[in-house]
Amino acid sequence: MWQKVVHDFVAAEVKPKAHEISESGEFNWDAVHKMAPLGMLGMMVPEEYGGSEVGTVAMSIAIEELGWACGSTALAIAAHTELGCAPVAKYGTDAQKKKFLEPVATGEGGLAALALTEPGAGSDLQGGVRTMAEKDGDEWVINGSKMWITNPSVADYIVTLARTDPAGGSRSMSMFIVPSDAPGLTIHSPEKKMGLHASQTHALTYENVRVPLDYLLGEEGRGFHQTLETLDAGRISIGSLSVGLAQAAYEEALAYAKQREAFGKPIATNQAIQWMLADAATEIAAARLMMRQAAWLHEEGRPFSHQAAMGKLFATEMAERVARNAIQIHGGYGYSREYPVERIYCDARLMTIGEGTSEIQRLVIARHLLNN
């Protein structure tokens, strides 16, 4: 029932605008505002703070359906849900949840964002983060910069990872809730990207940004551990989004292969085309099951990091293969921006990079195998 509700909604409100907003780079606020009554903005937020708390499996389903409709909108909601809302729901105080989660979960405010990556800190967050937070009376003062951050220009707040102990080490960082309109915070112009044009990505500069002491999220010095836990869960949403992108590319390729004729017959009668379609359908089904398993384990409170890493690795690389073959089936038309498969391919390309590269996923998986 949930899948049908979400699918029908995105088919009506999101998919028809996917091409238009990809070309313009405009965020689809109309559709996002309509998501709130369905519970799609508070999927990981407890009901007492305005959320729907549908659970990880339902979240996975919703993000997949969004990915099928529009990669940009899906990424914005995935980042909002798993990166912006989830850490506040998990580590925040009652006061923090009421102040920050209620508006973003009910649609009364904007979205939420998470700022981890820096110009010199991508995969190596523990050693590379230079953004500093220092106590000054009853405030934290934050200075530094972030890069490749999703949603800050449409967010109410940005969960920010900063170093609170210059000595370094695994307990040298903490997370902070930073309002997006905080004095001293500069949200720079959107990055010009290969794809996902309507999901705006920004560099941030923190110049003596002051937040109250009680905007510290969770325990001081536990920011790096909180980050790893957040990214583990975030991989479920990115993997699910990738399944949706692949499903959309596959459907476009299947329909085109049936109606396009060459040498007097539909190209779908050619074995080379049939095999690409068969591989796509098979790999999509496998990736979907992997993401559902990871989501179910997370929802049950069982260890899930290994499955999430494997699922994210397989689903994201699968989506790129499927989208690539969808372009191949379309031939020259597939390379045109007038056909959806070009946009889908460009959108899918990020997924093997964001929220842990494929190389990092393989490292996570290998470490799990070798330590057991």
Protein backbone atom coordinates (compact mmCIF):
# COMPACT_ATOMS: atom_id res chain seq x y z
CA MET A 1 0.00 0.00 0.00
CA TRP A 2 2.81 2.40 0.90
CA GLN A 3 4.63 1.64 -2.34
CA LYS A 4 1.49 2.29 -4.37
CA VAL A 5 0.81 5.57 -2.60
CA VAL A 6 4.36 6.79 -3.17
CA HIS A 7 4.52 5.50 -6.75
CA ASP A 8 1.25 7.15 -7.72
CA PHE A 9 2.36 10.41 -6.12
CA VAL A 10 5.78 10.57 -7.80
CA ALA A 11 4.29 9.49 -11.14
CA ALA A 12 1.94 12.48 -10.98
CA GLU A 13 4.02 15.13 -9.22
CA VAL A 14 7.70 14.32 -9.75
CA LYS A 15 8.37 12.35 -12.93
CA PRO A 16 6.60 14.78 -15.32
CA LYS A 17 8.91 17.61 -14.19
CA ALA A 18 12.16 15.62 -14.11
CA HIS A 19 13.42 16.81 -17.50
CA GLU A 20 12.32 20.40 -16.96
CA ILE A 21 14.05 20.85 -13.62
CA SER A 22 17.15 19.02 -14.81
CA GLU A 23 17.43 21.59 -17.59
CA SER A 24 16.66 24.60 -15.38
CA GLY A 25 18.39 23.47 -12.19
CA GLU A 26 15.38 24.59 -10.15
CA PHE A 27 14.44 22.66 -7.03
CA ASN A 28 11.01 21.01 -7.22
CA TRP A 29 9.49 22.73 -4.20
CA ASP A 30 5.93 22.14 -5.43
CA ALA A 31 6.32 18.37 -5.18
CA VAL A 32 8.33 18.48 -1.95
CA HIS A 33 5.69 20.53 -0.14
CA LYS A 34 3.08 17.95 -1.18
CA MET A 35 5.20 15.14 0.30
CA ALA A 36 4.67 16.28 3.88
CA PRO A 37 1.03 15.11 4.25
CA LEU A 38 2.07 11.69 2.93
CA GLY A 39 4.76 11.38 5.59
CA MET A 40 7.62 11.43 3.08
CA LEU A 41 9.53 14.25 4.78
CA GLY A 42 9.61 12.62 8.21
CA MET A 43 10.20 8.98 7.36
CA MET A 44 12.91 8.53 10.01
CA VAL A 45 11.46 11.05 12.48
CA PRO A 46 9.43 9.89 15.53
CA GLU A 47 5.74 10.71 15.44
CA GLU A 48 5.97 12.86 18.57
CA TYR A 49 8.21 15.24 16.63
CA GLY A 50 6.01 15.47 13.57
CA GLY A 51 7.38 12.51 11.65
CA SER A 52 5.75 9.44 10.16
CA GLU A 53 8.49 7.05 11.38
CA VAL A 54 7.58 4.54 8.68
CA GLY A 55 10.78 2.56 9.19
CA THR A 56 13.82 1.76 7.10
CA VAL A 57 12.15 -0.71 4.73
CA ALA A 58 9.41 1.78 3.84
CA MET A 59 12.02 4.50 3.50
CA SER A 60 13.98 2.29 1.09
CA ILE A 61 10.84 1.75 -0.99
CA ALA A 62 10.03 5.47 -1.09
CA ILE A 63 13.55 6.51 -2.11
CA GLU A 64 13.57 3.87 -4.84
CA GLU A 65 10.30 5.20 -6.22
CA LEU A 66 11.64 8.75 -6.09
CA GLY A 67 14.76 7.59 -7.93
CA TRP A 68 12.55 6.05 -10.61
CA ALA A 69 10.82 9.42 -11.03
CA CYS A 70 13.68 11.94 -10.71
CA GLY A 71 17.24 11.47 -9.50
CA SER A 72 17.59 15.07 -8.34
CA THR A 73 14.47 15.08 -6.19
CA ALA A 74 15.31 11.63 -4.86
CA LEU A 75 18.80 12.67 -3.79
CA ALA A 76 17.51 15.77 -2.01
CA ILE A 77 14.97 13.71 -0.04
CA ALA A 78 17.47 10.92 0.66
CA ALA A 79 20.00 13.44 2.03
CA HIS A 80 17.26 15.17 4.03
CA THR A 81 16.01 11.90 5.48
CA GLU A 82 19.13 9.87 6.27
CA LEU A 83 21.79 12.55 6.57
CA GLY A 84 19.94 15.57 7.92
CA CYS A 85 17.06 14.17 9.99
CA ALA A 86 18.31 10.75 11.11
CA PRO A 87 21.31 11.93 13.20
CA VAL A 88 19.16 14.49 15.02
CA ALA A 89 16.50 11.84 15.64
CA LYS A 90 19.13 9.40 16.91
CA TYR A 91 21.51 11.60 18.90
CA GLY A 92 19.51 14.77 19.60
CA THR A 93 17.94 15.90 22.86
CA ASP A 94 14.19 16.29 23.19
CA ALA A 95 14.60 20.06 22.85
CA GLN A 96 16.70 19.69 19.70
CA LYS A 97 14.23 17.31 18.12
CA LYS A 98 11.30 19.58 18.85
CA LYS A 99 13.06 22.71 17.60
CA PHE A 100 14.70 21.31 14.49
CA LEU A 101 12.88 18.14 13.42
CA GLU A 102 9.26 19.23 13.69
CA PRO A 103 9.41 21.98 11.03
CA VAL A 104 11.34 19.91 8.48
CA ALA A 105 9.26 16.76 9.01
CA THR A 106 5.88 18.49 8.77
CA GLY A 107 6.74 20.67 5.78
CA GLU A 108 6.43 23.90 7.77
CA GLY A 109 10.10 24.64 7.13
CA GLY A 110 12.76 23.65 4.64
CA LEU A 111 14.78 20.46 4.47
CA ALA A 112 17.81 19.25 6.42
CA ALA A 113 21.45 18.77 5.40
CA LEU A 114 24.69 17.20 6.59
CA ALA A 115 28.14 18.77 6.02
CA LEU A 116 31.09 16.38 6.24
CA THR A 117 33.30 16.66 3.14
CA GLU A 118 35.96 19.35 2.86
CA PRO A 119 38.37 20.42 0.11
CA GLY A 120 40.99 18.14 1.66
CA ALA A 121 38.74 15.61 3.39
CA GLY A 122 36.62 13.16 1.43
CA SER A 123 37.11 9.49 2.19
CA ASP A 124 39.65 10.42 4.90
CA LEU A 125 37.42 12.37 7.27
CA GLN A 126 39.27 11.39 10.43
CA GLY A 127 42.58 12.77 9.24
CA GLY A 128 41.40 15.42 6.81
CA VAL A 129 38.76 17.54 8.57
CA ARG A 130 40.07 21.05 9.29
CA THR A 131 36.86 22.82 10.29
CA MET A 132 37.26 23.76 13.96
CA ALA A 133 34.76 24.39 16.74
CA GLU A 134 35.92 26.11 19.93
CA LYS A 135 34.03 27.03 23.08
CA ASP A 136 33.69 30.70 23.85
CA GLY A 137 31.53 31.34 26.91
CA ASP A 138 28.10 29.89 26.27
CA GLU A 139 28.69 29.38 22.54
CA TRP A 140 30.60 27.28 20.05
CA VAL A 141 32.53 29.23 17.42
CA ILE A 142 32.97 27.36 14.13
CA ASN A 143 35.52 28.19 11.44
CA GLY A 144 36.31 26.26 8.29
CA SER A 145 34.89 25.14 4.96
CA LYS A 146 32.93 22.28 3.43
CA MET A 147 32.44 21.04 -0.13
CA TRP A 148 29.94 18.99 -2.15
CA ILE A 149 27.15 19.50 0.39
CA THR A 150 23.64 18.55 -0.67
CA ASN A 151 20.63 20.70 0.31
CA PRO A 152 22.11 23.63 2.29
CA SER A 153 20.36 26.25 0.15
CA VAL A 154 16.97 24.58 0.76
CA ALA A 155 17.65 23.52 4.36
CA ASP A 156 16.61 24.91 7.72
CA TYR A 157 19.72 23.53 9.39
CA ILE A 158 23.00 21.82 8.51
CA VAL A 159 24.45 19.13 10.77
CA THR A 160 28.14 20.00 10.69
CA LEU A 161 31.15 17.85 11.56
CA ALA A 162 33.95 19.88 13.16
CA ARG A 163 37.12 19.19 15.09
CA THR A 164 36.84 20.01 18.79
CA ASP A 165 40.24 18.64 19.84
CA PRO A 166 43.24 19.86 17.82
CA ALA A 167 45.25 16.85 19.03
CA GLY A 168 43.41 14.63 16.59
CA GLY A 169 42.35 11.03 17.01
CA SER A 170 39.02 9.25 16.76
CA ARG A 171 37.51 11.33 19.58
CA SER A 172 38.61 14.70 18.26
CA MET A 173 35.45 15.62 16.36
CA SER A 174 31.88 16.53 17.21
CA MET A 175 28.64 17.22 15.38
CA PHE A 176 26.76 20.51 15.60
CA ILE A 177 23.36 21.72 14.46
CA VAL A 178 23.97 24.93 12.51
CA PRO A 179 20.96 26.97 11.30
CA SER A 180 21.35 27.72 7.61
CA ASP A 181 20.82 31.44 8.27
CA ALA A 182 23.49 31.64 10.99
CA PRO A 183 25.62 34.80 10.72
CA GLY A 184 29.02 33.99 9.28
CA LEU A 185 27.81 30.96 7.31
CA THR A 186 28.17 31.45 3.55
CA ILE A 187 26.40 29.08 1.18
CA HIS A 188 28.20 29.52 -2.12
CA SER A 189 26.68 29.28 -5.60
CA PRO A 190 25.55 25.81 -6.73
CA GLU A 191 28.24 23.62 -8.26
CA LYS A 192 28.04 22.95 -12.01
CA LYS A 193 27.76 19.17 -12.18
CA MET A 194 27.52 16.36 -14.69
CA GLY A 195 24.05 15.42 -13.49
CA LEU A 196 21.54 15.84 -10.66
CA HIS A 197 21.20 19.47 -11.70
CA ALA A 198 18.05 20.11 -9.64
CA SER A 199 19.62 18.76 -6.46
CA GLN A 200 21.78 21.70 -5.57
CA THR A 201 25.27 21.09 -4.22
CA HIS A 202 27.26 23.83 -2.52
CA ALA A 203 30.53 24.76 -0.89
CA LEU A 204 30.16 26.28 2.58
CA THR A 205 32.32 28.71 4.50
CA TYR A 206 32.10 29.09 8.28
CA GLU A 207 33.55 32.38 9.52
CA ASN A 208 33.15 32.72 13.27
CA VAL A 209 29.76 31.03 13.12
CA ARG A 210 28.36 31.03 16.63
CA VAL A 211 25.85 28.50 17.93
CA PRO A 212 24.71 27.88 21.52
CA LEU A 213 26.47 25.19 23.52
CA ASP A 214 23.32 23.08 23.45
CA TYR A 215 23.48 22.87 19.63
CA LEU A 216 26.14 20.21 20.11
CA LEU A 217 24.61 17.01 18.69
CA GLY A 218 25.22 14.01 20.90
CA GLU A 219 28.33 13.68 23.02
CA GLU A 220 31.37 15.88 22.51
CA GLY A 221 34.15 13.90 20.85
CA ARG A 222 31.80 11.32 19.35
CA GLY A 223 31.25 13.09 16.05
CA PHE A 224 33.39 10.75 13.97
CA HIS A 225 31.61 7.67 15.32
CA GLN A 226 28.23 9.32 14.77
CA THR A 227 29.30 10.11 11.22
CA LEU A 228 30.21 6.49 10.46
CA GLU A 229 26.89 5.28 11.83
CA THR A 230 25.02 7.90 9.82
CA LEU A 231 26.83 6.96 6.60
CA ASP A 232 26.16 3.25 7.19
CA ALA A 233 22.43 3.93 7.17
CA GLY A 234 22.74 6.48 4.37
CA ARG A 235 24.09 3.78 2.09
CA ILE A 236 20.70 2.12 2.18
CA SER A 237 19.04 5.20 0.73
CA ILE A 238 21.68 5.73 -1.98
CA GLY A 239 21.53 2.06 -2.97
CA SER A 240 17.74 2.22 -3.11
CA LEU A 241 17.85 5.42 -5.15
CA SER A 242 20.17 3.65 -7.60
CA VAL A 243 17.70 0.79 -7.99
CA GLY A 244 15.04 3.34 -8.92
CA LEU A 245 17.29 5.01 -11.48
CA ALA A 246 18.10 1.64 -13.02
CA GLN A 247 14.43 0.66 -13.12
CA ALA A 248 13.59 3.85 -15.00
CA ALA A 249 16.42 3.34 -17.50
CA TYR A 250 15.41 -0.28 -18.04
CA GLU A 251 11.77 0.64 -18.68
CA GLU A 252 12.79 3.27 -21.21
CA ALA A 253 15.12 0.83 -22.98
CA LEU A 254 12.52 -1.94 -23.05
CA ALA A 255 9.86 0.31 -24.54
CA TYR A 256 12.25 1.75 -27.11
CA ALA A 257 13.52 -1.71 -28.15
CA LYS A 258 9.96 -2.84 -28.83
CA GLN A 259 9.05 0.10 -31.07
CA ARG A 260 12.33 0.93 -32.81
CA GLU A 261 12.81 -0.95 -36.06
CA ALA A 262 16.03 -1.74 -37.89
CA PHE A 263 16.46 -4.00 -40.88
CA GLY A 264 12.71 -4.40 -41.07
CA LYS A 265 12.01 -5.62 -37.56
CA PRO A 266 11.96 -4.31 -33.94
CA ILE A 267 15.45 -4.24 -32.45
CA ALA A 268 14.06 -6.20 -29.47
CA THR A 269 14.18 -9.30 -31.69
CA ASN A 270 17.97 -9.09 -31.78
CA GLN A 271 19.79 -11.29 -29.28
CA ALA A 272 22.32 -8.56 -28.43
CA ILE A 273 19.48 -6.29 -27.28
CA GLN A 274 17.67 -9.10 -25.49
CA TRP A 275 20.73 -9.95 -23.45
CA MET A 276 21.21 -6.35 -22.30
CA LEU A 277 17.56 -6.24 -21.21
CA ALA A 278 17.81 -9.63 -19.49
CA ASP A 279 20.94 -8.59 -17.59
CA ALA A 280 19.29 -5.32 -16.55
CA ALA A 281 16.14 -7.00 -15.22
CA THR A 282 18.17 -9.62 -13.35
CA GLU A 283 20.60 -7.19 -11.76
CA ILE A 284 17.84 -4.77 -10.75
CA ALA A 285 15.98 -7.60 -9.01
CA ALA A 286 19.14 -8.68 -7.19
CA ALA A 287 20.03 -5.13 -6.10
CA ARG A 288 16.49 -4.50 -4.87
CA LEU A 289 16.61 -7.58 -2.66
CA MET A 290 20.03 -6.59 -1.30
CA MET A 291 18.76 -3.15 -0.34
CA ARG A 292 15.61 -4.56 1.25
CA GLN A 293 17.71 -6.98 3.31
CA ALA A 294 19.97 -4.20 4.57
CA ALA A 295 16.94 -2.04 5.34
CA TRP A 296 15.22 -4.87 7.21
CA LEU A 297 18.31 -5.61 9.31
CA HIS A 298 18.61 -1.91 10.21
CA GLU A 299 14.94 -1.74 11.11
CA GLU A 300 15.27 -4.84 13.31
CA GLY A 301 18.22 -3.33 15.18
CA ARG A 302 20.56 -6.05 13.91
CA PRO A 303 24.07 -5.60 12.45
CA PHE A 304 23.63 -4.25 8.93
CA SER A 305 26.80 -2.37 7.94
CA HIS A 306 28.21 -5.25 5.90
CA GLN A 307 24.97 -5.75 3.97
CA ALA A 308 24.54 -2.00 3.45
CA ALA A 309 28.04 -1.70 2.01
CA MET A 310 27.56 -4.68 -0.31
CA GLY A 311 24.14 -3.44 -1.38
CA LYS A 312 25.35 0.10 -2.02
CA LEU A 313 28.35 -1.17 -3.99
CA PHE A 314 26.32 -3.52 -6.17
CA ALA A 315 23.30 -1.27 -6.68
CA THR A 316 25.25 1.85 -7.63
CA GLU A 317 27.56 0.08 -10.05
CA MET A 318 24.61 -1.83 -11.45
CA ALA A 319 22.66 1.38 -12.07
CA GLU A 320 25.50 2.84 -14.09
CA ARG A 321 25.73 -0.35 -16.20
CA VAL A 322 22.01 -0.45 -16.82
CA ALA A 323 21.85 3.24 -17.73
CA ARG A 324 24.85 2.85 -20.03
CA ASN A 325 23.22 -0.06 -21.85
CA ALA A 326 19.94 1.83 -22.05
CA ILE A 327 21.78 4.56 -23.95
CA GLN A 328 23.36 1.91 -26.17
CA ILE A 329 19.95 0.45 -26.99
CA HIS A 330 18.69 3.91 -27.92
CA GLY A 331 21.71 4.49 -30.15
CA GLY A 332 22.24 8.12 -31.11
CA TYR A 333 18.93 9.13 -29.54
CA GLY A 334 20.19 7.90 -26.18
CA TYR A 335 22.96 10.47 -26.27
CA SER A 336 20.43 13.26 -26.71
CA ARG A 337 19.18 15.24 -23.74
CA GLU A 338 15.69 14.93 -25.20
CA TYR A 339 15.57 11.29 -24.10
CA PRO A 340 15.43 10.38 -20.37
CA VAL A 341 18.24 7.81 -20.47
CA GLU A 342 20.89 10.51 -20.92
CA ARG A 343 19.74 12.28 -17.76
CA ILE A 344 19.45 9.01 -15.85
CA TYR A 345 23.00 8.01 -16.76
CA CYS A 346 24.40 11.38 -15.67
CA ASP A 347 22.43 11.16 -12.41
CA ALA A 348 23.53 7.58 -11.71
CA ARG A 349 27.20 8.40 -12.14
CA LEU A 350 27.40 10.16 -8.78
CA MET A 351 26.09 7.21 -6.79
CA THR A 352 29.38 5.27 -6.86
CA ILE A 353 31.08 8.35 -5.38
CA GLY A 354 28.71 9.89 -2.82
CA GLU A 355 28.26 8.56 0.72
CA GLY A 356 31.31 6.35 0.40
CA THR A 357 32.95 5.54 -2.91
CA SER A 358 32.88 2.05 -4.40
CA GLU A 359 36.49 1.72 -3.28
CA ILE A 360 35.56 2.52 0.32
CA GLN A 361 32.66 0.04 0.15
CA ARG A 362 35.07 -2.68 -0.93
CA LEU A 363 37.34 -1.73 1.96
CA VAL A 364 34.44 -1.93 4.43
CA ILE A 365 33.36 -5.31 3.06
CA ALA A 366 36.90 -6.72 3.09
CA ARG A 367 37.52 -5.61 6.66
CA HIS A 368 34.29 -7.28 7.75
CA LEU A 369 35.30 -10.52 6.03
CA LEU A 370 38.82 -10.51 7.44
CA ASN A 371 37.76 -9.65 10.99
CA ASN A 372 35.24 -12.49 11.24
